[in-house]
Structure formats: C-alpha cells, structure tokens
C-alpha cells in the first residue's frame, strides 16, 4: 500500500469517527455565542462539560451547541483568554464574554486555506507579521514591508524607482528555470504577483510586481508558510512557500469608528562612490565634450585645469539630474457593526514621486468587507478590493536611459544648456542620449485597474461540522505605452509601443470540516475541492519610425506591426487534512492532495502528493516550571508537485515569420502579408510535474512565563524532474531548443527566531525579535551530458557568476603578458549571488505615551555584479581609479617565468580589468527603519471629536554599511525579479534615505 492510499484511508476513517461521536446522551441542548471584550466572536474556543469528556469548539462566528445536563458546569477556554466556568441552568442561548490573558501562549494563526489553528498545535514552521510592523516601514510595495522580518525569506528590491518591483523567495531557489517566488494568498484566494509594466523592445529595467496593488492599510496580518508540509493544501502553486494575507474585519456591536491617517515623506539618493579629482579626457589630455568627445575621465586634475581661461568648475552630475523623492499617502477607514453583522470600508491615495524627474507611482485603493449572519447556521462575508495605479518611468540598466550616462559622467562637463545652437541635444560623448533630453523624449507609462472580489459562505448545521464555500477572482487590465522620439545621437528612428494585458483568474474552494473532542483526543478533519482557471491576453501595437515628433500615436509610425498572445490554464484539485491531538501533547497532521493541470502531458496531468507531520509537546509531562513555560519538538515530511511552466509548452506553435530591416523586424514575405513558420523551440508532449521532497525538524520553547520565545528549524528540500525551458538541442533536428524534465536542485538550511519582552514594567517595556537564516543550495543535475545552462552549473550553488578573471599559476602568482598587463582566463566561476546568512533585529520600546522602535537588517556575503563599477573603472570615474601614478603589476611574466618589471599607466591597467573586477561582496548592515511616536492621552482629547490621536516620525535606510561594495545599495537587482538577473546592479534608480511624518486620528 503506497503512502497516498494509507493517508486517504486514515483521513476517511478520522472523518467518520468524528461523525459517530456527534450523538449526545440523555441531556438538554445548550447553545450560545462566545465573544471577547470588544464584541468580536471568538472562533475555535473549547467548550466542554466539567469532569466529562464531551466537548465542542466554537465556530467562526463564536457560536456553539452541545448536550449537557442541568446543574452541570461548562468550562470555556480559548487561546489567549482566561478560562471561564458557567453553570448550566437551562437558559439558552448563552452569551459568554472571555477576558484576554496577558500571556498569550496559545496564539491563533491563519494556516493554509484560511483555517485558524492554535500555534501550539502546528507541526511545521510559520511566522506572522502584524499590521503595525507592516505599516511602520512606510513602504508602498507590500513585499518591501516584509524585508528582513521573516526567517527563511529573502526580499530583493530591483530599484529605488517609484513603483519598482521586488522579489520574494522562501527557503531558496528550487526550480531551475521556473518561478521560484512565493504564492500570495488574500483571504484564502491566490492572487497574481507577476512582474508586469514592461514592453518587449521598450524601457529596460524592472517593472512592477503586482502585489504592489495591495494597500497595506487594509491588512490585519501576514502569515508566512515556509515549508512544503505547511503549503501542501495549496497545490502546485504553493510549492515555493505561501504568504497568507488576512485583511481587516469590521467590529460587531460597535458604533462606527473612523480612522484617518496622513503620511508625508522626503528622500535623498544613496549614490555610488566615485572620484571627482580628474577631468574628462584620455591619456591626461583634456577633452571639452563639445568638439572633442569621449565618455572617459582620464584627463588632467580638476584643480589644475582651466576652461576658457577660468578655473574648471566641478559639477555633481547626480545632483543636477536627480531630485528629492517625495511621497504622500492619505487613508480613511470606517468600521463597525451590530449583533448580526460587521463592516470595514477603506480608501487610500498614494502619490510617490521618485528620484528621477517624471518617475512617479500613483495608486487609488478602495476596500470593502461586509460580514453577516443569515439565520442560526449561516455566515457570509463579501469583500471587494479595487486599485487603480499609474506609473511613469524612464529606462534603467545598461540602456539608452539617462542613468547610464549620469552615473559615469565627467565632473568637468556642464550639461547646460540642454540644446546646442542648432537645436540638437548637447552631449559630452557619442552614442548616448543627453539625460536631460531623455526626460522630454522617452517615457514608459503603465496604468492598471485591478479587482479582487471574494465571497465566503459558512454553513454550520452543528457545532462540530462546518461547510464552507469560497469563490474569488483576480482581474486586472493593464495599459502600457512606451514612447521614444527619434534620436540621431544613437541612430534610433523613434517608436511608439502600446501594450494591453487582460488577466482573469478564478478560484473556487468547497470544504467540509469537522471537529470533535472525545476524551483525551481532539480531532479535526477537512475535505475539499479546488477549481482554478487563469486566462491572459497580451496585445502589442508597434509603430516604428515616428514621422511626427511629439505626437505619440500609433498612426505616426512609418511601419506598423502587432502581436497577440492568449494563454489559458486550468487546474482541479481534491484535498484532505486530518489533525489528531492526544492529551494536548501529541499532534499528528496528515494532508493529501490530488491535482490535475492542463499544462502537463495528458497521460501525466494528474499527480498525487501529501505530507505527514507530528509534534510532541514535552512540557505536558513536566511539572510547572518558572524557567521553561512551554516546549515542543516537531518533525515533518512532504512530497509536493509543481507544474511550473506556462501553457502550450506541450505543442510546437506556429509563429509569424519576420525579416530584419533598418526600422525593425517586419512581417514576411512581402506587401505586409504575414507568413508563419513553426517555432524554433519544439514542444515536449511528455512534460510532467516537478517534484519537491522536503524534511523539516524543529524545536519551539518559551521561558520565564512566556517572556522569551525560541523557535529553531532545520530543513532539507530536493527537487526532482525539474522543468528546464529553452534547453539547446541539435539544429539537425530542425529546432534549436526544447523543454524537458531533468533538473535536480537541493536546499538545506537553518531558521531561528528569538523574541521576548526584555523589560516589562508599569510605564516601560522593551520587546525584541531576532531572526536568523542560513541556506546552502546546490545544482545536482541539469540534464544528461549538460553541466552548464546559463548561470546554472552542476555541483555549484544556484545562480553563480562566470566569466573572465585574472590568470594565476599553480603557486597562486598573477600571470603577466610582455606588455606588463595581467593575463585572463575565460569562463571561470567568479562569484556566488547566494548570501552566507541573513538576519533581522527588531526592537520596540514603550514609555507611557511614547514609542521608539528600530529595525536592523543584515546580510553576510552574496556577491553582486556591479556593472556601474565596471563602467566607472573603464571610464575612470570609479573611486578605485583616484591614484593615477604609473605602476608595475606584481606578478610573473608568462613568457619567461621572470618577475614582471614593465611599467604601465593607471589607465592601461584599469581599462584591461576583466569581469571579475566588477564582482563585489554584497555584505551589508542596514538601519532599515527608526520610528518615534507619541500617542495623545485620552484625557487631552476629552471634549474633542477625537477618540485617539498619534504622531509618528520614521526614518528609512538611515545607515547602510556595505564595506566591500562601491554602489549605493547592494540589495538592488536592476533587471527585475527573474531568476537569471539576480545580483546584477546596473544603473538602476538609487535607493533613498527617507524621513516620513505620519498623523493618525480616530473619530
């Protein structure tokens, strides 16, 4: 019997066992509702008859029903609340109000599919980030608010531009060429977090990841499910970890509460280091940039240079171009409710102006949630999130954008006036646009309208059984427009590109859950079905050779062309879970799922997987201790699948044939009549799912009456049958590449979270949290006979850097040629993007109405390919090129084995440097946020319309220590969130050092 049949039978038996326990004895029915002191229902509370074994748990609305004899006593307990006893008198229904305990040992967290469970009963690692922590970062992008806060998770921002994308990976990269980012789930509904806002052939650099559409003001908490045992119920999409977002709810039986928050921030650029001593020129000779042009700064010293008879003026190119970044955000919310319903409404407007002129990101967000009881047994929640965003940006990276020029511009060059007397742009070098000219002639605009509707219905016929139906969607329409006016400086005829993206994703879950306590056993079982559908359409219109400057319309093109792509993917899944708790000491959790995916081979489109996990709370066997309050060990095993390829990779589609011309690639054959040929990448009809096997073990402990909490985890995960796209094959087949199942990658790591209340008095408290992550990965296999593919090399970590490096002999001596220059070797390993370890340290101090918090983020190791440094070295603007003395490079001449004695110039040396010279250690320590706040006393607000008021000042990126990196911020990855572009720092908008001022009022 295989593991899946065994798990299925155990789950089925457990479910029917729960059902047989539902019959009461010769007693009277007792029903009621459990709420907290604020009127909120308490879900999952335990209600049992004292000295008896029968009991139930309260439902999502706090309701319960059980059988009990008159005169008996009910014992009510819930995570984080004081236990309460109530006599059974026959009066029903009961309204029971529980009081919170100061020490909340049994914290409730949201797990897969939105199910709430006591954290003490979990058999895997999760970590929660509260709303206050998210809002304290003052970041526009939700992904950036999580940076450094969760062990096992790495967040990488692509750029400091307004609206730029960020990448989030949990427990390392595990898919060779597929998606490695975590799945985002909002209130039980998976959502899209793709990077969009880019047009092929348009602005280089990163776009926006679509999680940026989520308004952080509407989030109650974020729970990160790290391992496969925690995410197995989410199907294929959950293989890379899941970020569960729970939005805010209204408050039952409460008058409307209005909250208004206003934020204003200003930020300055954190710039790369550069030299400002030497002027434009080459070989020590000055070039004026007018009739003598060069991009190099190997000219004379600025303090000895005279231009037109006057001492040369030192210009700061970055200051002349970059501006102060400004962000404003205003948010208004109202919540309330009565005994049968609650509501939460929110609106916010974000206006983010980036460092580059005309770079901006604006977002309108509307959110509404309404929950209501329908009779005694039905509960419903309807919610809708809508966002409208508008981003303008310029090209970044090594492109025709302005930053490539600005960051290596000679300090002797005055960029004003922008235009020469003949009306053409002035520029100090050839082959590049003037940055100030680019502002008015190049732009990428992206507009997105997005809807996230969710409907949840719960039917609770008995206190032990709940039937849930959840339907949700993710719908957005994106309109992108890239405009590039004709540029004689770089020989471009000008172009207008329009792109429309339509995306529709639907998700439906039907679940039946049962919970029953019998003696020392507490069991809950979940059975469910999931139906998922995703459709996208991408239409591009391209006008090349603009004939009317400034008229940004498709009709202005000398040559028009278009493309269209349509993609449909469907999945169906059946899943089950059983959690068995014996004596609050032994917990066993079993999950199983059977998925079918339309993107896989018809014979292999359905595949099973599941997990088994257990935990042992050993402190249940111990006498109460003042030192050790709680202790648990856990172990899990999971086998999950992943269908990580886009649709239609099984087939070989026909694509439009094209021919290259001076303007662009044009339809073939002639007279604009398109012809079609089969794609050069042949489909593979035998593709099956990737498989991920993971083991996880952990220890959790709390000390000194729960004042200190420790959680440590070790995991090992390995992928099999990894999907690799664009694998080269022999051209003799008639094709150049295909997609196969062959890769194997392993990750192993340690995660540690240590938190506690270091000091707690009547007026003062200090809470601190430290998290630590160490992950090691290795590529075990690509395909038979292939050891390299892009940045993947067998036996090496995922995503290494390879290229030219200095050549050394067996004794470690640098080899020199007869001209006195170092020799090079080709295609050797020169760097590893993966960090040695990550850590975050969060502190919060509270003194009466004052609050001080700061967060320090650390990364050790992880190499960065600093392309800005590479260009600066060659052009002579790098800080390393300040010393211009002639030199003799220490080494051995390869020709005769003698010590090198040939002198060369500094320019000769630096302009001969290999790619390895641009690889820098990305170690950093960041003071990511510091926040000082004051909550106005309620007595001061007496007689005013305000119920609460607070003022907060926050500093972001106040200090970055990166001792081995000459760029502004080693965390950036300039070309976006793709696998193969990580760790490349290339002329992206700098990170900002910012201050935010926030006012919060409650009515």
Foldseek 3Di string as FASTA:
>chain_A
DDPQVVLVVVQVVQVVVLVVVQDADPFDKEKAFEEEPLQAGDWQKWKDWPPAFFIFTFHNRRMAMDGDHQQTKIWIGDFQWDIDIDGHHPDDDDYHYTYGDPFRQQDWDQFALRDIGGPLQDQADKDKDFLVQQVQLVDLFSLVSCDFPFFQKHKFWFFQFAQFAIFIFGQDAFFFFFDRGAWEAENRRTEFQDFDLDDVVFFFWGGHGVSSQDGSVFFGMKMKAHDCQRQQVVAQRHHRTYIYTYGDWFGEAFDKKKKKKKKKKKWDFQFFDWDQFFFDDPPQDHDQLFPGADLFRRHHTQQPDDDPNHRFDFAQLLVVFWDIKMKMKMKMKMKYYYNFKIKIKMWMWIWTGGRGPPWIKIKIKIKIKMWGADPDFKIKMKMKIKMKMKGKDHHFFPDLAALLSRLSHGRRHDCPPQADPVGAGRGRHFQHHHNVVCVVFWMKMKIKIKMKIKMKMWGDPHSFKIKIKMKIKIWMKMKMWIWGDQHPRNRFLIKIKIKIKTKIKIKIKIKMKGWTTGRQKTKMKMKMKMKIKIKMKMKMKMAWRADDPPPRDSVRHPDIDMDMDIFMKIKMKIKMKMWMGGNSFKIKIKMKMWMAIPQAAPVARIDIWIKIKMKGWVCVVPDCDQFWHTKMKMKMKIKGWHPRDTHDLQAFDKDWDWDADSTGTAADDDPRDIDIDTALEGHNNHQHIKMKIKIKIKMWTATRSRQKIKIKMKMKMKIFQRKDFFDADDCVVVHGGGIGRGWMKMKIKMKMKMKGWPDDDPFKTKIKIKIKMFMFMFTQIDHVPDQDDQQHGHGHHARFDWFKAFDADPVRFTEAEPQQETDIDTGDTQGAQDFRMWMKMKMWMGGHQKIKIWMKIWTHWGKAQEVSQLVCLQSVTRPVNPDFDKDRDFGAYPVPRHTTDRIDTSNVHSNVHISSVRIWTQTKMFRAKIKMKGKDDCVVCPPHPFRTKMKMKMKGRQDMDGPTDSGSHQSHQTRYHGRNRPRYHGRHHGNITMMMIMMMTMD
